Amino acid sequence: MFKIKSEAQFDMAHYLSGYKGKCSNIHGHRYRLIVKLKSETLHADGQLRGMVDDFSNFKNSLKEIEEIFDHKLILEDNEEGKALAKKLADLPNDFDIYFVNYRPTAEEMSRDIFNRLKEKGLSVCEVELFETPNNSCIYTED
């Protein structure tokens, strides 16, 4: 089994609807994303001969993920998230809000990123998303 990995980082704020505790406020993190691709075999011919995938293509896909989340406020697309976005829209700042159909936890985000990369045709086997330097979630389909 061959595995290659690459990583990206992004800064993102989120709000956890319905959460009570220290992280109940809008807050941000410096996320570190590590993704692994796997293959039983290497490409036999063509441009990708001897490779699992082209690192440039791989890194470009991670860059697209980074651009989705970087410097955005991520809100759950529910009643509470929409109400918060409406309140923020009334302020003079131009908040860059991105809605997701899940509570934006490291667990849900790692699964979302895994699925986005898989839909792009990458042979993704593992996504690890660090919310802090010491805390991460790993998502696989195993």
C-alpha atoms as a PDB file:
ATOM      1  CA  MET A   1       0.000   0.000   0.000  1.00  0.00           C
ATOM      2  CA  PHE A   2       1.306   3.413  -0.997  1.00  0.00           C
ATOM      3  CA  LYS A   3       0.256   6.525   0.896  1.00  0.00           C
ATOM      4  CA  ILE A   4       1.106  10.135   0.194  1.00  0.00           C
ATOM      5  CA  LYS A   5       0.179  13.087   2.346  1.00  0.00           C
ATOM      6  CA  SER A   6       0.019  16.818   2.137  1.00  0.00           C
ATOM      7  CA  GLU A   7      -1.247  19.566   4.353  1.00  0.00           C
ATOM      8  CA  ALA A   8      -2.771  23.014   4.394  1.00  0.00           C
ATOM      9  CA  GLN A   9      -3.621  25.538   7.062  1.00  0.00           C
ATOM     10  CA  PHE A  10      -6.370  28.086   7.395  1.00  0.00           C
ATOM     11  CA  ASP A  11      -7.835  30.484   9.930  1.00  0.00           C
ATOM     12  CA  MET A  12     -11.525  30.163  10.568  1.00  0.00           C
ATOM     13  CA  ALA A  13     -14.166  31.244  13.067  1.00  0.00           C
ATOM     14  CA  HIS A  14     -17.203  29.202  13.934  1.00  0.00           C
ATOM     15  CA  TYR A  15     -20.260  29.173  16.133  1.00  0.00           C
ATOM     16  CA  LEU A  16     -21.613  25.975  17.653  1.00  0.00           C
ATOM     17  CA  SER A  17     -25.409  26.188  17.762  1.00  0.00           C
ATOM     18  CA  GLY A  18     -26.860  24.922  21.003  1.00  0.00           C
ATOM     19  CA  TYR A  19     -23.503  24.532  22.742  1.00  0.00           C
ATOM     20  CA  LYS A  20     -23.220  25.561  26.401  1.00  0.00           C
ATOM     21  CA  GLY A  21     -19.727  26.102  27.754  1.00  0.00           C
ATOM     22  CA  LYS A  22     -16.427  27.843  27.094  1.00  0.00           C
ATOM     23  CA  CYS A  23     -16.808  27.586  23.306  1.00  0.00           C
ATOM     24  CA  SER A  24     -20.363  28.928  23.178  1.00  0.00           C
ATOM     25  CA  ASN A  25     -19.143  32.260  21.787  1.00  0.00           C
ATOM     26  CA  ILE A  26     -18.101  32.857  18.224  1.00  0.00           C
ATOM     27  CA  HIS A  27     -14.419  31.960  18.248  1.00  0.00           C
ATOM     28  CA  GLY A  28     -11.649  31.069  15.875  1.00  0.00           C
ATOM     29  CA  HIS A  29      -8.846  28.600  15.360  1.00  0.00           C
ATOM     30  CA  ARG A  30      -5.764  28.141  13.224  1.00  0.00           C
ATOM     31  CA  TYR A  31      -6.653  24.831  11.582  1.00  0.00           C
ATOM     32  CA  ARG A  32      -4.044  22.407  10.297  1.00  0.00           C
ATOM     33  CA  LEU A  33      -5.341  19.948   7.715  1.00  0.00           C
ATOM     34  CA  ILE A  34      -3.408  16.772   6.884  1.00  0.00           C
ATOM     35  CA  VAL A  35      -4.755  14.552   4.117  1.00  0.00           C
ATOM     36  CA  LYS A  36      -3.516  11.148   2.988  1.00  0.00           C
ATOM     37  CA  LEU A  37      -4.158   9.461  -0.339  1.00  0.00           C
ATOM     38  CA  LYS A  38      -3.619   5.745  -0.867  1.00  0.00           C
ATOM     39  CA  SER A  39      -3.226   3.254  -3.673  1.00  0.00           C
ATOM     40  CA  GLU A  40      -2.382  -0.432  -3.887  1.00  0.00           C
ATOM     41  CA  THR A  41      -0.511   0.278  -7.115  1.00  0.00           C
ATOM     42  CA  LEU A  42       1.212   3.155  -8.850  1.00  0.00           C
ATOM     43  CA  HIS A  43       0.111   4.532 -12.196  1.00  0.00           C
ATOM     44  CA  ALA A  44       1.701   2.339 -14.881  1.00  0.00           C
ATOM     45  CA  ASP A  45       2.003   4.883 -17.682  1.00  0.00           C
ATOM     46  CA  GLY A  46       1.476   8.436 -18.794  1.00  0.00           C
ATOM     47  CA  GLN A  47       2.203  11.610 -16.875  1.00  0.00           C
ATOM     48  CA  LEU A  48       1.463   9.931 -13.514  1.00  0.00           C
ATOM     49  CA  ARG A  49       3.637   6.864 -14.127  1.00  0.00           C
ATOM     50  CA  GLY A  50       5.190   5.742 -10.844  1.00  0.00           C
ATOM     51  CA  MET A  51       2.910   7.961  -8.743  1.00  0.00           C
ATOM     52  CA  VAL A  52      -0.115   7.594  -6.486  1.00  0.00           C
ATOM     53  CA  ASP A  53      -1.144  11.052  -7.678  1.00  0.00           C
ATOM     54  CA  ASP A  54       0.544  14.259  -8.768  1.00  0.00           C
ATOM     55  CA  PHE A  55       1.468  16.305  -5.683  1.00  0.00           C
ATOM     56  CA  SER A  56       0.577  19.474  -7.610  1.00  0.00           C
ATOM     57  CA  ASN A  57      -2.976  18.242  -8.224  1.00  0.00           C
ATOM     58  CA  PHE A  58      -3.195  17.087  -4.618  1.00  0.00           C
ATOM     59  CA  LYS A  59      -2.004  20.430  -3.249  1.00  0.00           C
ATOM     60  CA  ASN A  60      -4.366  22.336  -5.569  1.00  0.00           C
ATOM     61  CA  SER A  61      -7.297  20.334  -4.188  1.00  0.00           C
ATOM     62  CA  LEU A  62      -6.242  21.202  -0.639  1.00  0.00           C
ATOM     63  CA  LYS A  63      -5.906  24.854  -1.679  1.00  0.00           C
ATOM     64  CA  GLU A  64      -9.544  24.762  -2.832  1.00  0.00           C
ATOM     65  CA  ILE A  65     -10.589  23.435   0.592  1.00  0.00           C
ATOM     66  CA  GLU A  66      -8.499  26.112   2.272  1.00  0.00           C
ATOM     67  CA  GLU A  67     -10.196  28.830   0.194  1.00  0.00           C
ATOM     68  CA  ILE A  68     -13.657  27.586   1.199  1.00  0.00           C
ATOM     69  CA  PHE A  69     -12.970  27.987   4.917  1.00  0.00           C
ATOM     70  CA  ASP A  70     -10.110  30.495   5.274  1.00  0.00           C
ATOM     71  CA  HIS A  71     -10.994  33.710   7.104  1.00  0.00           C
ATOM     72  CA  LYS A  72     -14.683  32.861   7.133  1.00  0.00           C
ATOM     73  CA  LEU A  73     -17.249  32.586   9.882  1.00  0.00           C
ATOM     74  CA  ILE A  74     -18.741  29.120   9.543  1.00  0.00           C
ATOM     75  CA  LEU A  75     -22.338  28.757  10.673  1.00  0.00           C
ATOM     76  CA  GLU A  76     -24.714  25.850  10.695  1.00  0.00           C
ATOM     77  CA  ASP A  77     -27.489  26.327   8.153  1.00  0.00           C
ATOM     78  CA  ASN A  78     -30.272  26.182  10.713  1.00  0.00           C
ATOM     79  CA  GLU A  79     -32.615  28.668  12.352  1.00  0.00           C
ATOM     80  CA  GLU A  80     -30.050  29.784  14.949  1.00  0.00           C
ATOM     81  CA  GLY A  81     -27.278  30.179  12.371  1.00  0.00           C
ATOM     82  CA  LYS A  82     -29.486  32.177  10.034  1.00  0.00           C
ATOM     83  CA  ALA A  83     -30.633  34.450  12.897  1.00  0.00           C
ATOM     84  CA  LEU A  84     -27.014  35.114  13.884  1.00  0.00           C
ATOM     85  CA  ALA A  85     -26.068  35.886  10.276  1.00  0.00           C
ATOM     86  CA  LYS A  86     -28.975  38.320  10.050  1.00  0.00           C
ATOM     87  CA  LYS A  87     -27.808  40.140  13.204  1.00  0.00           C
ATOM     88  CA  LEU A  88     -24.256  40.336  11.859  1.00  0.00           C
ATOM     89  CA  ALA A  89     -25.541  41.684   8.530  1.00  0.00           C
ATOM     90  CA  ASP A  90     -26.927  44.702  10.395  1.00  0.00           C
ATOM     91  CA  LEU A  91     -23.419  45.672  11.580  1.00  0.00           C
ATOM     92  CA  PRO A  92     -21.126  47.939   9.525  1.00  0.00           C
ATOM     93  CA  ASN A  93     -18.597  45.131   8.999  1.00  0.00           C
ATOM     94  CA  ASP A  94     -18.827  42.895   5.956  1.00  0.00           C
ATOM     95  CA  PHE A  95     -18.680  39.455   7.553  1.00  0.00           C
ATOM     96  CA  ASP A  96     -17.734  36.601   5.227  1.00  0.00           C
ATOM     97  CA  ILE A  97     -20.135  33.867   6.333  1.00  0.00           C
ATOM     98  CA  TYR A  98     -20.215  30.345   4.965  1.00  0.00           C
ATOM     99  CA  PHE A  99     -23.111  28.050   5.854  1.00  0.00           C
ATOM    100  CA  VAL A 100     -22.706  24.295   6.265  1.00  0.00           C
ATOM    101  CA  ASN A 101     -25.413  21.685   6.775  1.00  0.00           C
ATOM    102  CA  TYR A 102     -23.845  20.433  10.006  1.00  0.00           C
ATOM    103  CA  ARG A 103     -22.579  21.762  13.327  1.00  0.00           C
ATOM    104  CA  PRO A 104     -19.060  23.015  12.414  1.00  0.00           C
ATOM    105  CA  THR A 105     -17.073  20.812  14.791  1.00  0.00           C
ATOM    106  CA  ALA A 106     -13.679  19.341  13.930  1.00  0.00           C
ATOM    107  CA  GLU A 107     -15.394  15.951  13.616  1.00  0.00           C
ATOM    108  CA  GLU A 108     -18.026  17.081  11.133  1.00  0.00           C
ATOM    109  CA  MET A 109     -15.579  19.247   9.209  1.00  0.00           C
ATOM    110  CA  SER A 110     -13.074  16.403   8.799  1.00  0.00           C
ATOM    111  CA  ARG A 111     -15.832  14.192   7.347  1.00  0.00           C
ATOM    112  CA  ASP A 112     -17.004  17.005   5.052  1.00  0.00           C
ATOM    113  CA  ILE A 113     -13.472  17.619   3.759  1.00  0.00           C
ATOM    114  CA  PHE A 114     -12.950  13.875   3.222  1.00  0.00           C
ATOM    115  CA  ASN A 115     -16.137  13.690   1.136  1.00  0.00           C
ATOM    116  CA  ARG A 116     -15.334  16.839  -0.871  1.00  0.00           C
ATOM    117  CA  LEU A 117     -11.925  15.412  -1.828  1.00  0.00           C
ATOM    118  CA  LYS A 118     -13.387  12.004  -2.623  1.00  0.00           C
ATOM    119  CA  GLU A 119     -15.974  13.646  -4.909  1.00  0.00           C
ATOM    120  CA  LYS A 120     -13.062  15.268  -6.784  1.00  0.00           C
ATOM    121  CA  GLY A 121     -11.784  11.780  -7.580  1.00  0.00           C
ATOM    122  CA  LEU A 122      -8.912  11.692  -5.101  1.00  0.00           C
ATOM    123  CA  SER A 123      -8.124   8.357  -3.455  1.00  0.00           C
ATOM    124  CA  VAL A 124      -8.380   9.907   0.001  1.00  0.00           C
ATOM    125  CA  CYS A 125      -7.986   7.492   2.900  1.00  0.00           C
ATOM    126  CA  GLU A 126      -7.572   9.831   5.872  1.00  0.00           C
ATOM    127  CA  VAL A 127      -8.267  13.410   6.857  1.00  0.00           C
ATOM    128  CA  GLU A 128      -6.830  14.782  10.070  1.00  0.00           C
ATOM    129  CA  LEU A 129      -7.999  18.218  11.119  1.00  0.00           C
ATOM    130  CA  PHE A 130      -6.222  19.947  14.001  1.00  0.00           C
ATOM    131  CA  GLU A 131      -8.385  22.523  15.751  1.00  0.00           C
ATOM    132  CA  THR A 132      -5.543  23.389  18.120  1.00  0.00           C
ATOM    133  CA  PRO A 133      -1.903  22.254  18.103  1.00  0.00           C
ATOM    134  CA  ASN A 134      -2.798  19.387  20.474  1.00  0.00           C
ATOM    135  CA  ASN A 135      -6.362  18.479  19.467  1.00  0.00           C
ATOM    136  CA  SER A 136      -7.410  16.893  16.195  1.00  0.00           C
ATOM    137  CA  CYS A 137      -9.992  14.637  14.642  1.00  0.00           C
ATOM    138  CA  ILE A 138      -9.132  11.894  12.175  1.00  0.00           C
ATOM    139  CA  TYR A 139     -11.802  10.769   9.734  1.00  0.00           C
ATOM    140  CA  THR A 140     -11.504   7.609   7.632  1.00  0.00           C
ATOM    141  CA  GLU A 141     -14.060   5.294   6.086  1.00  0.00           C
ATOM    142  CA  ASP A 142     -12.582   2.303   7.914  1.00  0.00           C
END
